[in-house]
Protein backbone atom coordinates (compact mmCIF):
# COMPACT_ATOMS: atom_id res chain seq x y z
CA MET A 1 -33.17 29.00 32.02
CA GLY A 2 -29.39 28.79 31.56
CA ASN A 3 -27.73 26.65 34.21
CA CYS A 4 -30.08 24.13 35.84
CA ARG A 5 -27.45 22.37 37.93
CA THR A 6 -27.43 21.98 41.64
CA LYS A 7 -24.20 21.52 43.61
CA ASN A 8 -23.82 17.81 42.88
CA GLY A 9 -26.10 17.35 39.90
CA SER A 10 -25.62 17.07 36.22
CA VAL A 11 -28.12 17.63 33.45
CA VAL A 12 -28.79 15.07 30.73
CA LEU A 13 -30.71 15.22 27.49
CA ALA A 14 -32.24 11.83 26.74
CA ILE A 15 -33.78 10.75 23.45
CA ASP A 16 -35.97 7.74 22.78
CA PRO A 17 -35.47 7.40 19.01
CA GLY A 18 -38.17 6.29 16.62
CA SER A 19 -38.79 6.20 12.89
CA PHE A 20 -41.47 8.91 12.93
CA LYS A 21 -41.39 10.39 16.43
CA CYS A 22 -38.95 10.60 19.32
CA GLY A 23 -39.35 11.17 23.01
CA VAL A 24 -37.03 13.79 24.45
CA ALA A 25 -36.40 14.72 28.06
CA VAL A 26 -34.05 16.94 29.98
CA VAL A 27 -33.49 15.73 33.53
CA ALA A 28 -31.43 17.33 36.30
CA GLY A 29 -29.53 14.78 38.35
CA ASP A 30 -29.93 16.53 41.66
CA PRO A 31 -31.28 14.45 44.53
CA ASP A 32 -34.83 14.88 43.23
CA MET A 33 -34.00 14.06 39.58
CA ARG A 34 -36.17 16.88 38.34
CA VAL A 35 -37.68 16.64 34.87
CA LEU A 36 -36.98 20.02 33.32
CA HIS A 37 -38.51 19.27 29.92
CA LYS A 38 -40.23 16.39 28.15
CA ALA A 39 -41.95 16.16 24.81
CA VAL A 40 -42.68 13.95 21.82
CA VAL A 41 -41.33 15.44 18.59
CA ASP A 42 -41.22 14.39 14.96
CA THR A 43 -37.98 12.58 14.16
CA VAL A 44 -37.17 15.04 11.36
CA ASP A 45 -37.24 17.86 13.96
CA ILE A 46 -34.64 16.24 16.25
CA PRO A 47 -31.63 18.31 15.05
CA LYS A 48 -33.52 21.55 15.76
CA THR A 49 -34.84 20.16 19.06
CA ILE A 50 -31.36 19.10 20.24
CA SER A 51 -29.97 22.53 19.38
CA GLY A 52 -32.75 24.33 21.22
CA LEU A 53 -32.61 22.14 24.32
CA CYS A 54 -28.81 22.39 24.48
CA SER A 55 -29.03 26.18 24.31
CA ARG A 56 -31.72 26.35 26.97
CA TYR A 57 -30.50 23.73 29.48
CA SER A 58 -26.75 23.20 28.79
CA PRO A 59 -26.80 19.42 29.31
CA ASP A 60 -23.59 17.54 30.09
CA ILE A 61 -24.36 14.57 27.86
CA ILE A 62 -26.87 13.32 25.32
CA LEU A 63 -28.27 9.84 25.93
CA ILE A 64 -29.81 7.95 23.03
CA GLY A 65 -31.80 4.77 23.43
CA ASN A 66 -30.41 1.86 21.41
CA GLY A 67 -33.66 1.28 19.52
CA THR A 68 -34.93 2.28 16.10
CA THR A 69 -32.95 5.01 14.28
CA SER A 70 -30.45 5.42 17.15
CA GLU A 71 -27.54 5.62 14.68
CA VAL A 72 -29.19 8.43 12.70
CA ILE A 73 -30.05 10.35 15.86
CA ALA A 74 -26.46 9.90 17.12
CA LYS A 75 -25.10 11.41 13.90
CA TRP A 76 -27.37 14.42 14.32
CA ALA A 77 -26.48 14.75 18.01
CA LYS A 78 -22.73 14.88 17.25
CA ASN A 79 -23.26 18.40 15.91
CA SER A 80 -23.95 19.54 19.49
CA GLY A 81 -20.34 18.90 20.49
CA LEU A 82 -21.49 17.07 23.62
CA ALA A 83 -20.59 13.56 24.71
CA ILE A 84 -23.07 11.01 23.39
CA GLU A 85 -23.88 7.68 24.95
CA ILE A 86 -26.08 4.97 23.50
CA VAL A 87 -28.02 3.37 26.36
CA ASP A 88 -30.00 0.17 26.76
CA GLU A 89 -33.77 0.58 26.35
CA HIS A 90 -34.89 -2.81 27.69
CA PHE A 91 -38.31 -2.62 29.37
CA THR A 92 -38.49 1.18 29.18
CA THR A 93 -41.69 1.08 27.17
CA VAL A 94 -43.40 -1.07 29.79
CA GLU A 95 -42.16 1.20 32.59
CA ALA A 96 -43.16 4.33 30.68
CA ARG A 97 -46.67 3.04 30.03
CA ALA A 98 -47.13 2.29 33.74
CA ARG A 99 -45.79 5.72 34.71
CA TYR A 100 -48.03 7.43 32.16
CA PHE A 101 -51.12 5.86 33.75
CA LEU A 102 -49.83 6.62 37.26
CA GLU A 103 -49.53 10.31 36.37
CA ASN A 104 -52.65 10.33 34.15
CA PRO A 105 -55.17 7.95 35.73
CA PRO A 106 -58.17 7.02 33.61
CA ARG A 107 -61.34 9.00 34.23
CA GLY A 108 -65.01 8.36 33.84
CA LEU A 109 -65.98 4.96 32.53
CA ARG A 110 -62.37 4.18 31.67
CA LYS A 111 -61.73 3.84 35.42
CA ILE A 112 -63.52 0.48 35.44
CA ILE A 113 -61.44 -0.98 32.59
CA PRO A 114 -58.25 -2.64 33.82
CA ILE A 115 -55.15 -0.58 32.94
CA SER A 116 -53.63 -3.64 31.29
CA MET A 117 -56.41 -3.49 28.69
CA GLN A 118 -56.03 0.22 27.95
CA THR A 119 -53.85 2.11 25.54
CA PRO A 120 -52.75 5.62 26.50
CA PRO A 121 -54.61 8.24 24.47
CA ARG A 122 -51.34 9.81 23.33
CA SER A 123 -47.80 8.76 22.57
CA TYR A 124 -45.70 8.33 25.71
CA ASP A 125 -42.20 8.26 24.19
CA ASP A 126 -41.33 11.28 26.37
CA TYR A 127 -41.82 9.08 29.43
CA VAL A 128 -39.37 6.58 27.93
CA ALA A 129 -36.79 9.37 27.56
CA VAL A 130 -37.28 10.38 31.20
CA ILE A 131 -36.72 6.77 32.31
CA LEU A 132 -33.54 6.52 30.20
CA ALA A 133 -32.23 9.68 31.89
CA GLU A 134 -33.18 8.52 35.38
CA ARG A 135 -31.52 5.13 34.88
CA TYR A 136 -28.33 6.77 33.65
CA LEU A 137 -28.24 9.31 36.47
CA ALA A 138 -28.92 6.64 39.12
CA TYR A 139 -26.17 4.45 37.68
CA THR A 140 -23.61 7.27 37.54
CA LYS A 141 -24.55 8.39 41.07
CA ARG A 142 -23.98 4.84 42.34
CA ASP A 143 -20.58 4.79 40.64
CA ASN A 144 -19.65 8.18 42.09
CA ASP A 145 -20.72 7.12 45.60
CA LYS A 146 -18.28 4.18 45.60
């Protein structure tokens, strides 16, 4: 997939670090902020995942949430040679949970149970990574527009 950039966009690789699993997302910062890739991977597989995603999408920067294991993930990410930025994760889990249910609405009998009382049937750390990327891209776009 080589170069995923549009005229004015950049591509970021975002990682929501965790002790056992991490959310990863590659997001293009074009006007649509397209999600090119998202997944939940085992933390021990992050070095291999970073390498593969960098080869496939050529991101401009790696964003790492400032939560659990962020320092370890940052050390691994340095091997990519890309700029690394630790970013604030406040409220991303709440936002990600809401987005997960927006994109994957409950079905059957679960439709009658309030969303606030439900737990997603799978990990949604990948949604957190997407939100980290979108926040960063929106912030940098605002700065560039000034």
